[in-house]
PDB file of N, CA and C in Angstrom:
ATOM      1  N   MET A   1       6.188  69.888 -81.198  1.00  0.00           N
ATOM      2  CA  MET A   1       6.982  68.702 -81.459  1.00  0.00           C
ATOM      3  C   MET A   1       6.486  68.046 -82.745  1.00  0.00           C
ATOM      4  N   GLU A   2       7.412  67.672 -83.584  1.00  0.00           N
ATOM      5  CA  GLU A   2       7.066  67.060 -84.855  1.00  0.00           C
ATOM      6  C   GLU A   2       7.136  65.537 -84.746  1.00  0.00           C
ATOM      7  N   TYR A   3       6.123  64.873 -85.253  1.00  0.00           N
ATOM      8  CA  TYR A   3       6.088  63.410 -85.255  1.00  0.00           C
ATOM      9  C   TYR A   3       6.283  62.904 -86.672  1.00  0.00           C
ATOM     10  N   ARG A   4       7.121  61.932 -86.804  1.00  0.00           N
ATOM     11  CA  ARG A   4       7.333  61.315 -88.113  1.00  0.00           C
ATOM     12  C   ARG A   4       7.256  59.816 -87.970  1.00  0.00           C
ATOM     13  N   CYS A   5       6.607  59.206 -88.901  1.00  0.00           N
ATOM     14  CA  CYS A   5       6.488  57.748 -88.926  1.00  0.00           C
ATOM     15  C   CYS A   5       7.788  57.168 -89.477  1.00  0.00           C
ATOM     16  N   ARG A   6       8.337  56.188 -88.791  1.00  0.00           N
ATOM     17  CA  ARG A   6       9.563  55.550 -89.254  1.00  0.00           C
ATOM     18  C   ARG A   6       9.321  54.695 -90.487  1.00  0.00           C
ATOM     19  N   SER A   7       8.118  54.257 -90.659  1.00  0.00           N
ATOM     20  CA  SER A   7       7.806  53.444 -91.835  1.00  0.00           C
ATOM     21  C   SER A   7       7.002  54.277 -92.822  1.00  0.00           C
ATOM     22  N   SER A   8       7.017  53.846 -94.052  1.00  0.00           N
ATOM     23  CA  SER A   8       6.303  54.574 -95.098  1.00  0.00           C
ATOM     24  C   SER A   8       4.800  54.431 -94.911  1.00  0.00           C
ATOM     25  N   PRO A   9       4.032  55.520 -95.089  1.00  0.00           N
ATOM     26  CA  PRO A   9       2.580  55.412 -94.983  1.00  0.00           C
ATOM     27  C   PRO A   9       1.968  54.695 -96.186  1.00  0.00           C
ATOM     28  N   VAL A  10       2.753  54.513 -97.223  1.00  0.00           N
ATOM     29  CA  VAL A  10       2.262  53.825 -98.420  1.00  0.00           C
ATOM     30  C   VAL A  10       2.624  52.339 -98.302  1.00  0.00           C
ATOM     31  N   PRO A  11       1.637  51.462 -98.483  1.00  0.00           N
ATOM     32  CA  PRO A  11       1.958  50.038 -98.370  1.00  0.00           C
ATOM     33  C   PRO A  11       2.914  49.599 -99.478  1.00  0.00           C
ATOM     34  N   PRO A  12       3.749  48.605 -99.192  1.00  0.00           N
ATOM     35  CA  PRO A  12       4.645  48.120-100.240  1.00  0.00           C
ATOM     36  C   PRO A  12       3.844  47.508-101.386  1.00  0.00           C
ATOM     37  N   PRO A  13       4.397  47.485-102.582  1.00  0.00           N
ATOM     38  CA  PRO A  13       3.679  46.930-103.739  1.00  0.00           C
ATOM     39  C   PRO A  13       3.209  45.487-103.512  1.00  0.00           C
ATOM     40  N   GLU A  14       3.974  44.728-102.744  1.00  0.00           N
ATOM     41  CA  GLU A  14       3.579  43.330-102.475  1.00  0.00           C
ATOM     42  C   GLU A  14       2.253  43.255-101.735  1.00  0.00           C
ATOM     43  N   ALA A  15       1.960  44.253-100.897  1.00  0.00           N
ATOM     44  CA  ALA A  15       0.685  44.268-100.176  1.00  0.00           C
ATOM     45  C   ALA A  15      -0.475  44.436-101.145  1.00  0.00           C
ATOM     46  N   LEU A  16      -0.299  45.318-102.112  1.00  0.00           N
ATOM     47  CA  LEU A  16      -1.367  45.538-103.084  1.00  0.00           C
ATOM     48  C   LEU A  16      -1.572  44.313-103.965  1.00  0.00           C
ATOM     49  N   VAL A  17      -0.485  43.652-104.326  1.00  0.00           N
ATOM     50  CA  VAL A  17      -0.583  42.410-105.106  1.00  0.00           C
ATOM     51  C   VAL A  17      -1.297  41.351-104.272  1.00  0.00           C
ATOM     52  N   PHE A  18      -0.965  41.278-102.985  1.00  0.00           N
ATOM     53  CA  PHE A  18      -1.636  40.322-102.092  1.00  0.00           C
ATOM     54  C   PHE A  18      -3.143  40.568-102.071  1.00  0.00           C
ATOM     55  N   TYR A  19      -3.552  41.823-101.892  1.00  0.00           N
ATOM     56  CA  TYR A  19      -4.987  42.137-101.844  1.00  0.00           C
ATOM     57  C   TYR A  19      -5.687  41.901-103.185  1.00  0.00           C
ATOM     58  N   ASP A  20      -5.009  42.174-104.280  1.00  0.00           N
ATOM     59  CA  ASP A  20      -5.594  41.865-105.597  1.00  0.00           C
ATOM     60  C   ASP A  20      -5.841  40.365-105.731  1.00  0.00           C
ATOM     61  N   GLY A  21      -4.855  39.585-105.331  1.00  0.00           N
ATOM     62  CA  GLY A  21      -5.003  38.131-105.393  1.00  0.00           C
ATOM     63  C   GLY A  21      -6.093  37.631-104.465  1.00  0.00           C
ATOM     64  N   LEU A  22      -6.169  38.209-103.283  1.00  0.00           N
ATOM     65  CA  LEU A  22      -7.196  37.807-102.329  1.00  0.00           C
ATOM     66  C   LEU A  22      -8.593  38.148-102.846  1.00  0.00           C
ATOM     67  N   GLU A  23      -8.704  39.283-103.516  1.00  0.00           N
ATOM     68  CA  GLU A  23      -9.994  39.656-104.103  1.00  0.00           C
ATOM     69  C   GLU A  23     -10.412  38.656-105.183  1.00  0.00           C
ATOM     70  N   ALA A  24      -9.437  38.202-105.948  1.00  0.00           N
ATOM     71  CA  ALA A  24      -9.727  37.248-107.026  1.00  0.00           C
ATOM     72  C   ALA A  24      -9.991  35.837-106.493  1.00  0.00           C
ATOM     73  N   ASP A  25      -9.346  35.495-105.384  1.00  0.00           N
ATOM     74  CA  ASP A  25      -9.459  34.140-104.837  1.00  0.00           C
ATOM     75  C   ASP A  25      -9.477  34.216-103.318  1.00  0.00           C
ATOM     76  N   ASN A  26     -10.638  34.505-102.770  1.00  0.00           N
ATOM     77  CA  ASN A  26     -10.789  34.642-101.330  1.00  0.00           C
ATOM     78  C   ASN A  26     -11.049  33.280-100.701  1.00  0.00           C
ATOM     79  N   SER A  27     -10.026  32.427-100.793  1.00  0.00           N
ATOM     80  CA  SER A  27     -10.155  31.071-100.257  1.00  0.00           C
ATOM     81  C   SER A  27      -9.082  30.818 -99.203  1.00  0.00           C
ATOM     82  N   LYS A  28      -9.317  29.817 -98.402  1.00  0.00           N
ATOM     83  CA  LYS A  28      -8.319  29.439 -97.398  1.00  0.00           C
ATOM     84  C   LYS A  28      -7.027  29.010 -98.065  1.00  0.00           C
ATOM     85  N   ALA A  29      -7.122  28.355 -99.210  1.00  0.00           N
ATOM     86  CA  ALA A  29      -5.927  27.912 -99.931  1.00  0.00           C
ATOM     87  C   ALA A  29      -5.069  29.108-100.344  1.00  0.00           C
ATOM     88  N   TYR A  30      -5.701  30.156-100.870  1.00  0.00           N
ATOM     89  CA  TYR A  30      -4.942  31.359-101.244  1.00  0.00           C
ATOM     90  C   TYR A  30      -4.283  31.959-100.013  1.00  0.00           C
ATOM     91  N   TRP A  31      -5.055  32.106 -98.963  1.00  0.00           N
ATOM     92  CA  TRP A  31      -4.539  32.692 -97.727  1.00  0.00           C
ATOM     93  C   TRP A  31      -3.334  31.903 -97.212  1.00  0.00           C
ATOM     94  N   THR A  32      -3.477  30.601 -97.159  1.00  0.00           N
ATOM     95  CA  THR A  32      -2.391  29.744 -96.670  1.00  0.00           C
ATOM     96  C   THR A  32      -1.156  29.869 -97.551  1.00  0.00           C
ATOM     97  N   ASP A  33      -1.352  29.862 -98.849  1.00  0.00           N
ATOM     98  CA  ASP A  33      -0.233  29.944 -99.787  1.00  0.00           C
ATOM     99  C   ASP A  33       0.475  31.305 -99.740  1.00  0.00           C
ATOM    100  N   HIS A  34      -0.229  32.349 -99.309  1.00  0.00           N
ATOM    101  CA  HIS A  34       0.325  33.705 -99.327  1.00  0.00           C
ATOM    102  C   HIS A  34       0.469  34.316 -97.936  1.00  0.00           C
ATOM    103  N   ARG A  35       0.443  33.474 -96.937  1.00  0.00           N
ATOM    104  CA  ARG A  35       0.524  33.947 -95.548  1.00  0.00           C
ATOM    105  C   ARG A  35       1.820  34.725 -95.282  1.00  0.00           C
ATOM    106  N   GLU A  36       2.933  34.251 -95.809  1.00  0.00           N
ATOM    107  CA  GLU A  36       4.213  34.926 -95.601  1.00  0.00           C
ATOM    108  C   GLU A  36       4.201  36.340 -96.198  1.00  0.00           C
ATOM    109  N   THR A  37       3.601  36.477 -97.374  1.00  0.00           N
ATOM    110  CA  THR A  37       3.480  37.805 -97.991  1.00  0.00           C
ATOM    111  C   THR A  37       2.644  38.722 -97.101  1.00  0.00           C
ATOM    112  N   TYR A  38       1.537  38.198 -96.575  1.00  0.00           N
ATOM    113  CA  TYR A  38       0.697  38.980 -95.668  1.00  0.00           C
ATOM    114  C   TYR A  38       1.502  39.445 -94.450  1.00  0.00           C
ATOM    115  N   GLU A  39       2.235  38.533 -93.838  1.00  0.00           N
ATOM    116  CA  GLU A  39       2.996  38.865 -92.629  1.00  0.00           C
ATOM    117  C   GLU A  39       4.034  39.954 -92.905  1.00  0.00           C
ATOM    118  N   LYS A  40       4.740  39.849 -94.024  1.00  0.00           N
ATOM    119  CA  LYS A  40       5.818  40.791 -94.329  1.00  0.00           C
ATOM    120  C   LYS A  40       5.331  42.096 -94.949  1.00  0.00           C
ATOM    121  N   ALA A  41       4.349  42.031 -95.833  1.00  0.00           N
ATOM    122  CA  ALA A  41       3.963  43.207 -96.610  1.00  0.00           C
ATOM    123  C   ALA A  41       2.734  43.933 -96.064  1.00  0.00           C
ATOM    124  N   VAL A  42       1.905  43.242 -95.299  1.00  0.00           N
ATOM    125  CA  VAL A  42       0.675  43.862 -94.785  1.00  0.00           C
ATOM    126  C   VAL A  42       0.771  44.055 -93.274  1.00  0.00           C
ATOM    127  N   ARG A  43       0.902  42.971 -92.560  1.00  0.00           N
ATOM    128  CA  ARG A  43       0.897  43.040 -91.096  1.00  0.00           C
ATOM    129  C   ARG A  43       2.122  43.764 -90.546  1.00  0.00           C
ATOM    130  N   GLY A  44       3.301  43.430 -91.054  1.00  0.00           N
ATOM    131  CA  GLY A  44       4.532  44.030 -90.552  1.00  0.00           C
ATOM    132  C   GLY A  44       4.527  45.553 -90.612  1.00  0.00           C
ATOM    133  N   PRO A  45       4.248  46.139 -91.782  1.00  0.00           N
ATOM    134  CA  PRO A  45       4.195  47.603 -91.853  1.00  0.00           C
ATOM    135  C   PRO A  45       3.099  48.217 -90.968  1.00  0.00           C
ATOM    136  N   MET A  46       1.975  47.532 -90.831  1.00  0.00           N
ATOM    137  CA  MET A  46       0.899  48.064 -89.994  1.00  0.00           C
ATOM    138  C   MET A  46       1.309  48.055 -88.516  1.00  0.00           C
ATOM    139  N   VAL A  47       1.953  46.982 -88.078  1.00  0.00           N
ATOM    140  CA  VAL A  47       2.429  46.919 -86.698  1.00  0.00           C
ATOM    141  C   VAL A  47       3.471  48.011 -86.456  1.00  0.00           C
ATOM    142  N   ALA A  48       4.372  48.227 -87.414  1.00  0.00           N
ATOM    143  CA  ALA A  48       5.381  49.281 -87.285  1.00  0.00           C
ATOM    144  C   ALA A  48       4.716  50.656 -87.182  1.00  0.00           C
ATOM    145  N   LEU A  49       3.697  50.898 -87.984  1.00  0.00           N
ATOM    146  CA  LEU A  49       2.980  52.166 -87.930  1.00  0.00           C
ATOM    147  C   LEU A  49       2.301  52.349 -86.573  1.00  0.00           C
ATOM    148  N   LEU A  50       1.639  51.314 -86.091  1.00  0.00           N
ATOM    149  CA  LEU A  50       0.969  51.402 -84.787  1.00  0.00           C
ATOM    150  C   LEU A  50       1.970  51.603 -83.659  1.00  0.00           C
ATOM    151  N   ASP A  51       3.132  50.961 -83.748  1.00  0.00           N
ATOM    152  CA  ASP A  51       4.178  51.160 -82.741  1.00  0.00           C
ATOM    153  C   ASP A  51       4.655  52.610 -82.738  1.00  0.00           C
ATOM    154  N   THR A  52       4.712  53.208 -83.918  1.00  0.00           N
ATOM    155  CA  THR A  52       5.126  54.605 -84.027  1.00  0.00           C
ATOM    156  C   THR A  52       4.073  55.537 -83.438  1.00  0.00           C
ATOM    157  N   LEU A  53       2.814  55.214 -83.641  1.00  0.00           N
ATOM    158  CA  LEU A  53       1.730  56.065 -83.167  1.00  0.00           C
ATOM    159  C   LEU A  53       1.417  55.876 -81.687  1.00  0.00           C
ATOM    160  N   GLU A  54       1.753  54.743 -81.128  1.00  0.00           N
ATOM    161  CA  GLU A  54       1.373  54.400 -79.761  1.00  0.00           C
ATOM    162  C   GLU A  54       1.812  55.436 -78.728  1.00  0.00           C
ATOM    163  N   PRO A  55       3.024  56.002 -78.810  1.00  0.00           N
ATOM    164  CA  PRO A  55       3.393  57.013 -77.804  1.00  0.00           C
ATOM    165  C   PRO A  55       2.487  58.246 -77.819  1.00  0.00           C
ATOM    166  N   ARG A  56       1.852  58.503 -78.935  1.00  0.00           N
ATOM    167  CA  ARG A  56       0.963  59.667 -79.026  1.00  0.00           C
ATOM    168  C   ARG A  56      -0.384  59.405 -78.368  1.00  0.00           C
ATOM    169  N   ALA A  57      -0.805  58.158 -78.289  1.00  0.00           N
ATOM    170  CA  ALA A  57      -2.099  57.801 -77.708  1.00  0.00           C
ATOM    171  C   ALA A  57      -1.962  56.462 -76.980  1.00  0.00           C
ATOM    172  N   PRO A  58      -1.186  56.399 -75.902  1.00  0.00           N
ATOM    173  CA  PRO A  58      -0.957  55.125 -75.235  1.00  0.00           C
ATOM    174  C   PRO A  58      -2.250  54.511 -74.701  1.00  0.00           C
ATOM    175  N   GLY A  59      -2.378  53.229 -74.912  1.00  0.00           N
ATOM    176  CA  GLY A  59      -3.505  52.491 -74.379  1.00  0.00           C
ATOM    177  C   GLY A  59      -4.816  52.676 -75.105  1.00  0.00           C
ATOM    178  N   ARG A  60      -4.822  53.437 -76.181  1.00  0.00           N
ATOM    179  CA  ARG A  60      -6.071  53.654 -76.919  1.00  0.00           C
ATOM    180  C   ARG A  60      -6.138  52.718 -78.101  1.00  0.00           C
ATOM    181  N   SER A  61      -7.295  52.189 -78.321  1.00  0.00           N
ATOM    182  CA  SER A  61      -7.505  51.389 -79.527  1.00  0.00           C
ATOM    183  C   SER A  61      -8.822  51.817 -80.153  1.00  0.00           C
ATOM    184  N   PHE A  62      -8.859  51.771 -81.442  1.00  0.00           N
ATOM    185  CA  PHE A  62     -10.049  52.227 -82.156  1.00  0.00           C
ATOM    186  C   PHE A  62     -10.620  51.096 -82.956  1.00  0.00           C
TER     187      PHE A  62
END
């Protein structure tokens, strides 16, 4: 059986921009100002990937 991820394994460009900015300014103010970008570009794709992988290893966390 072949498994394919519904989401791209490559993070969207906005995620990389978010991490570059966070590296330059690792402050609560930066985080607060860019929380929406984190939710959409970092967390959202990661949750989608984990949802795709979950049927292959139900109940396991690493």
